[in-house]
N, C-alpha and C. Protein backbone atom coordinates (compact mmCIF):
# COMPACT_ATOMS: atom_id res chain seq x y z
N MET A 1 11.21 10.01 -29.66
CA MET A 1 11.53 9.44 -30.93
C MET A 1 10.85 8.07 -31.07
N ALA A 2 10.34 7.79 -32.24
CA ALA A 2 9.62 6.54 -32.46
C ALA A 2 10.58 5.35 -32.42
N GLU A 3 10.06 4.26 -31.89
CA GLU A 3 10.88 3.06 -31.83
C GLU A 3 10.98 2.42 -33.22
N LYS A 4 12.11 1.84 -33.47
CA LYS A 4 12.34 1.18 -34.74
C LYS A 4 11.65 -0.19 -34.72
N ARG A 5 10.93 -0.51 -35.77
CA ARG A 5 10.23 -1.80 -35.83
C ARG A 5 11.23 -2.92 -36.07
N LYS A 6 11.01 -4.00 -35.40
CA LYS A 6 11.87 -5.15 -35.59
C LYS A 6 11.08 -6.20 -36.39
N PHE A 7 11.61 -6.53 -37.55
CA PHE A 7 10.95 -7.49 -38.41
C PHE A 7 11.65 -8.84 -38.30
N LYS A 8 10.89 -9.86 -38.52
CA LYS A 8 11.44 -11.21 -38.53
C LYS A 8 12.31 -11.37 -39.77
N LYS A 9 13.50 -11.90 -39.60
CA LYS A 9 14.39 -12.10 -40.73
C LYS A 9 13.85 -13.21 -41.62
N ARG A 10 13.81 -12.93 -42.91
CA ARG A 10 13.33 -13.92 -43.87
C ARG A 10 14.51 -14.73 -44.36
N TYR A 11 14.29 -16.01 -44.52
CA TYR A 11 15.34 -16.91 -44.97
C TYR A 11 15.01 -17.43 -46.36
N CYS A 12 16.05 -17.71 -47.10
CA CYS A 12 15.89 -18.23 -48.45
C CYS A 12 15.39 -19.67 -48.36
N LYS A 13 14.24 -19.93 -48.96
CA LYS A 13 13.65 -21.27 -48.94
C LYS A 13 14.49 -22.26 -49.74
N TYR A 14 15.17 -21.76 -50.75
CA TYR A 14 15.97 -22.64 -51.59
C TYR A 14 17.29 -23.00 -50.91
N CYS A 15 17.86 -22.11 -50.14
CA CYS A 15 19.09 -22.43 -49.40
C CYS A 15 18.79 -23.45 -48.30
N GLU A 16 17.65 -23.30 -47.63
CA GLU A 16 17.29 -24.24 -46.58
C GLU A 16 17.04 -25.63 -47.15
N ALA A 17 16.47 -25.71 -48.34
CA ALA A 17 16.21 -27.00 -48.98
C ALA A 17 17.42 -27.51 -49.77
N LYS A 18 18.47 -26.70 -49.83
CA LYS A 18 19.72 -27.04 -50.54
C LYS A 18 19.46 -27.36 -52.01
N ILE A 19 18.73 -26.45 -52.66
CA ILE A 19 18.43 -26.58 -54.08
C ILE A 19 19.51 -25.84 -54.87
N ASP A 20 20.10 -26.55 -55.84
CA ASP A 20 21.17 -25.95 -56.64
C ASP A 20 20.66 -25.34 -57.94
N PHE A 21 19.55 -25.87 -58.46
CA PHE A 21 19.06 -25.41 -59.75
C PHE A 21 17.53 -25.35 -59.71
N ILE A 22 16.97 -24.29 -60.25
CA ILE A 22 15.52 -24.12 -60.30
C ILE A 22 15.09 -24.31 -61.75
N ASP A 23 14.29 -25.34 -62.00
CA ASP A 23 13.87 -25.68 -63.35
C ASP A 23 12.64 -24.87 -63.73
N TYR A 24 12.63 -24.35 -64.95
CA TYR A 24 11.50 -23.54 -65.39
C TYR A 24 10.24 -24.36 -65.61
N LYS A 25 10.37 -25.68 -65.80
CA LYS A 25 9.20 -26.53 -66.04
C LYS A 25 8.46 -26.87 -64.75
N ASP A 26 9.11 -26.71 -63.60
CA ASP A 26 8.50 -27.02 -62.32
C ASP A 26 7.88 -25.75 -61.73
N VAL A 27 6.65 -25.48 -62.11
CA VAL A 27 5.97 -24.23 -61.71
C VAL A 27 5.74 -24.18 -60.20
N GLU A 28 5.53 -25.33 -59.58
CA GLU A 28 5.25 -25.37 -58.14
C GLU A 28 6.44 -24.86 -57.31
N SER A 29 7.65 -24.99 -57.84
CA SER A 29 8.82 -24.61 -57.05
C SER A 29 8.97 -23.09 -56.91
N TYR A 30 8.51 -22.33 -57.89
CA TYR A 30 8.70 -20.88 -57.81
C TYR A 30 7.39 -20.10 -57.76
N LYS A 31 6.28 -20.77 -57.48
CA LYS A 31 5.00 -20.05 -57.48
C LYS A 31 4.87 -19.07 -56.32
N HIS A 32 5.62 -19.26 -55.22
CA HIS A 32 5.53 -18.30 -54.11
C HIS A 32 6.29 -17.01 -54.42
N SER A 33 7.01 -16.98 -55.54
CA SER A 33 7.73 -15.78 -55.95
C SER A 33 6.94 -14.93 -56.93
N LEU A 34 5.68 -15.30 -57.18
CA LEU A 34 4.81 -14.54 -58.07
C LEU A 34 3.66 -13.93 -57.29
N SER A 35 3.26 -12.72 -57.69
CA SER A 35 2.12 -12.08 -57.05
C SER A 35 0.82 -12.60 -57.68
N GLU A 36 -0.33 -12.09 -57.24
CA GLU A 36 -1.60 -12.55 -57.78
C GLU A 36 -1.79 -12.13 -59.23
N ARG A 37 -1.02 -11.16 -59.69
CA ARG A 37 -1.07 -10.75 -61.10
C ARG A 37 0.12 -11.31 -61.87
N TYR A 38 0.75 -12.31 -61.32
CA TYR A 38 1.87 -13.02 -61.94
C TYR A 38 3.10 -12.13 -62.15
N LYS A 39 3.26 -11.14 -61.30
CA LYS A 39 4.48 -10.33 -61.35
C LYS A 39 5.52 -10.98 -60.45
N ILE A 40 6.79 -10.78 -60.78
CA ILE A 40 7.87 -11.34 -59.97
C ILE A 40 8.03 -10.49 -58.72
N MET A 41 7.97 -11.12 -57.56
CA MET A 41 8.09 -10.40 -56.30
C MET A 41 9.56 -10.16 -55.97
N PRO A 42 9.89 -9.03 -55.35
CA PRO A 42 11.29 -8.71 -55.05
C PRO A 42 11.85 -9.54 -53.91
N ARG A 43 13.16 -9.51 -53.79
CA ARG A 43 13.87 -10.28 -52.76
C ARG A 43 13.45 -9.89 -51.35
N ARG A 44 13.20 -8.62 -51.15
CA ARG A 44 12.87 -8.17 -49.79
C ARG A 44 11.54 -8.73 -49.30
N LEU A 45 10.66 -9.14 -50.23
CA LEU A 45 9.39 -9.73 -49.86
C LEU A 45 9.45 -11.25 -49.78
N THR A 46 10.20 -11.87 -50.70
CA THR A 46 10.27 -13.34 -50.72
C THR A 46 11.30 -13.87 -49.75
N GLY A 47 12.36 -13.11 -49.50
CA GLY A 47 13.42 -13.58 -48.61
C GLY A 47 14.48 -14.40 -49.31
N ASN A 48 14.42 -14.48 -50.63
CA ASN A 48 15.41 -15.25 -51.37
C ASN A 48 16.77 -14.56 -51.35
N CYS A 49 17.83 -15.36 -51.43
CA CYS A 49 19.17 -14.79 -51.57
C CYS A 49 19.34 -14.37 -53.04
N LYS A 50 20.40 -13.62 -53.31
CA LYS A 50 20.60 -13.09 -54.66
C LYS A 50 20.75 -14.20 -55.69
N LYS A 51 21.50 -15.22 -55.37
CA LYS A 51 21.74 -16.31 -56.32
C LYS A 51 20.43 -17.00 -56.70
N HIS A 52 19.62 -17.32 -55.71
CA HIS A 52 18.37 -18.01 -56.00
C HIS A 52 17.32 -17.09 -56.61
N GLN A 53 17.34 -15.82 -56.24
CA GLN A 53 16.39 -14.87 -56.85
C GLN A 53 16.69 -14.73 -58.34
N ASP A 54 17.96 -14.71 -58.71
CA ASP A 54 18.32 -14.64 -60.13
C ASP A 54 17.86 -15.90 -60.87
N MET A 55 18.01 -17.06 -60.23
CA MET A 55 17.55 -18.30 -60.85
C MET A 55 16.03 -18.33 -61.00
N VAL A 56 15.33 -17.84 -59.99
CA VAL A 56 13.86 -17.78 -60.04
C VAL A 56 13.42 -16.85 -61.16
N THR A 57 14.07 -15.71 -61.26
CA THR A 57 13.72 -14.74 -62.30
C THR A 57 13.92 -15.33 -63.69
N ASP A 58 15.05 -15.99 -63.90
CA ASP A 58 15.30 -16.61 -65.20
C ASP A 58 14.29 -17.72 -65.49
N ALA A 59 13.95 -18.52 -64.49
CA ALA A 59 12.99 -19.61 -64.68
C ALA A 59 11.61 -19.06 -65.02
N ILE A 60 11.19 -17.99 -64.35
CA ILE A 60 9.88 -17.39 -64.63
C ILE A 60 9.85 -16.81 -66.04
N LYS A 61 10.92 -16.16 -66.44
CA LYS A 61 10.97 -15.58 -67.79
C LYS A 61 10.93 -16.66 -68.86
N LYS A 62 11.62 -17.77 -68.64
CA LYS A 62 11.59 -18.88 -69.60
C LYS A 62 10.19 -19.51 -69.63
N ALA A 63 9.57 -19.65 -68.47
CA ALA A 63 8.23 -20.24 -68.40
C ALA A 63 7.21 -19.34 -69.09
N ARG A 64 7.41 -18.04 -69.03
CA ARG A 64 6.51 -17.12 -69.73
C ARG A 64 6.66 -17.27 -71.24
N GLN A 65 7.89 -17.47 -71.70
CA GLN A 65 8.11 -17.58 -73.14
C GLN A 65 7.44 -18.81 -73.73
N ILE A 66 7.41 -19.91 -73.00
CA ILE A 66 6.77 -21.12 -73.53
C ILE A 66 5.35 -21.28 -73.01
N ALA A 67 4.79 -20.23 -72.44
CA ALA A 67 3.38 -20.13 -72.06
C ALA A 67 2.98 -21.07 -70.92
N LEU A 68 3.87 -21.33 -69.97
CA LEU A 68 3.48 -22.06 -68.77
C LEU A 68 2.77 -21.15 -67.78
N ILE A 69 3.18 -19.88 -67.75
CA ILE A 69 2.52 -18.87 -66.94
C ILE A 69 2.29 -17.63 -67.81
N PRO A 70 1.27 -16.84 -67.54
CA PRO A 70 0.97 -15.69 -68.40
C PRO A 70 1.90 -14.51 -68.12
N TYR A 71 2.03 -13.64 -69.12
CA TYR A 71 2.79 -12.41 -68.95
C TYR A 71 2.01 -11.41 -68.12
N VAL A 72 0.75 -11.17 -68.52
CA VAL A 72 -0.06 -10.12 -67.92
C VAL A 72 -1.43 -10.69 -67.58
N VAL A 73 -1.98 -10.23 -66.45
CA VAL A 73 -3.34 -10.60 -66.08
C VAL A 73 -4.14 -9.31 -65.99
N ASP A 74 -5.30 -9.28 -66.64
CA ASP A 74 -6.15 -8.09 -66.61
C ASP A 74 -6.73 -7.88 -65.22
N ARG A 75 -7.18 -6.68 -64.96
CA ARG A 75 -7.83 -6.38 -63.69
C ARG A 75 -9.10 -7.19 -63.51
N LYS A 76 -9.78 -7.45 -64.61
CA LYS A 76 -11.05 -8.16 -64.54
C LYS A 76 -10.86 -9.65 -64.27
N SER A 77 -9.72 -10.20 -64.66
CA SER A 77 -9.54 -11.64 -64.52
C SER A 77 -8.55 -12.01 -63.43
N VAL A 78 -8.34 -11.14 -62.45
CA VAL A 78 -7.44 -11.44 -61.34
C VAL A 78 -8.10 -12.50 -60.47
N VAL A 79 -7.33 -13.52 -60.12
CA VAL A 79 -7.85 -14.61 -59.29
C VAL A 79 -7.31 -14.46 -57.87
N PRO A 80 -8.03 -14.96 -56.86
CA PRO A 80 -7.57 -14.81 -55.47
C PRO A 80 -6.22 -15.50 -55.22
N THR A 81 -6.04 -16.69 -55.78
CA THR A 81 -4.75 -17.37 -55.65
C THR A 81 -4.13 -17.45 -57.02
N ALA A 82 -2.84 -17.26 -57.09
CA ALA A 82 -2.15 -17.10 -58.36
C ALA A 82 -2.25 -18.30 -59.28
N PHE A 83 -2.33 -19.51 -58.73
CA PHE A 83 -2.32 -20.69 -59.57
C PHE A 83 -3.64 -21.41 -59.60
N GLU A 84 -4.73 -20.70 -59.31
CA GLU A 84 -6.05 -21.29 -59.34
C GLU A 84 -6.50 -21.56 -60.78
N ALA A 85 -6.14 -20.69 -61.68
CA ALA A 85 -6.59 -20.81 -63.05
C ALA A 85 -5.80 -21.85 -63.84
N LEU A 86 -4.64 -22.23 -63.37
CA LEU A 86 -3.82 -23.18 -64.14
C LEU A 86 -4.36 -24.56 -64.08
């Protein structure tokens, strides 16, 4: 039988920094939660706890509405790092 892989446990970056509120205007605080196409990454990849993941999601959605970050990125205009174009 194959051995089960042991993965390193991911920790919530916001809990370690003791952040209570994630502001939508501070793009630098939640940029690691976006993929290269500006999609919101899931908790299992970012390591965020549920409370902070919900705050990050709300902040990203508000930032999209006021055009701080784009909704969609075309295949042709994908950049290597997500915030290179900003």
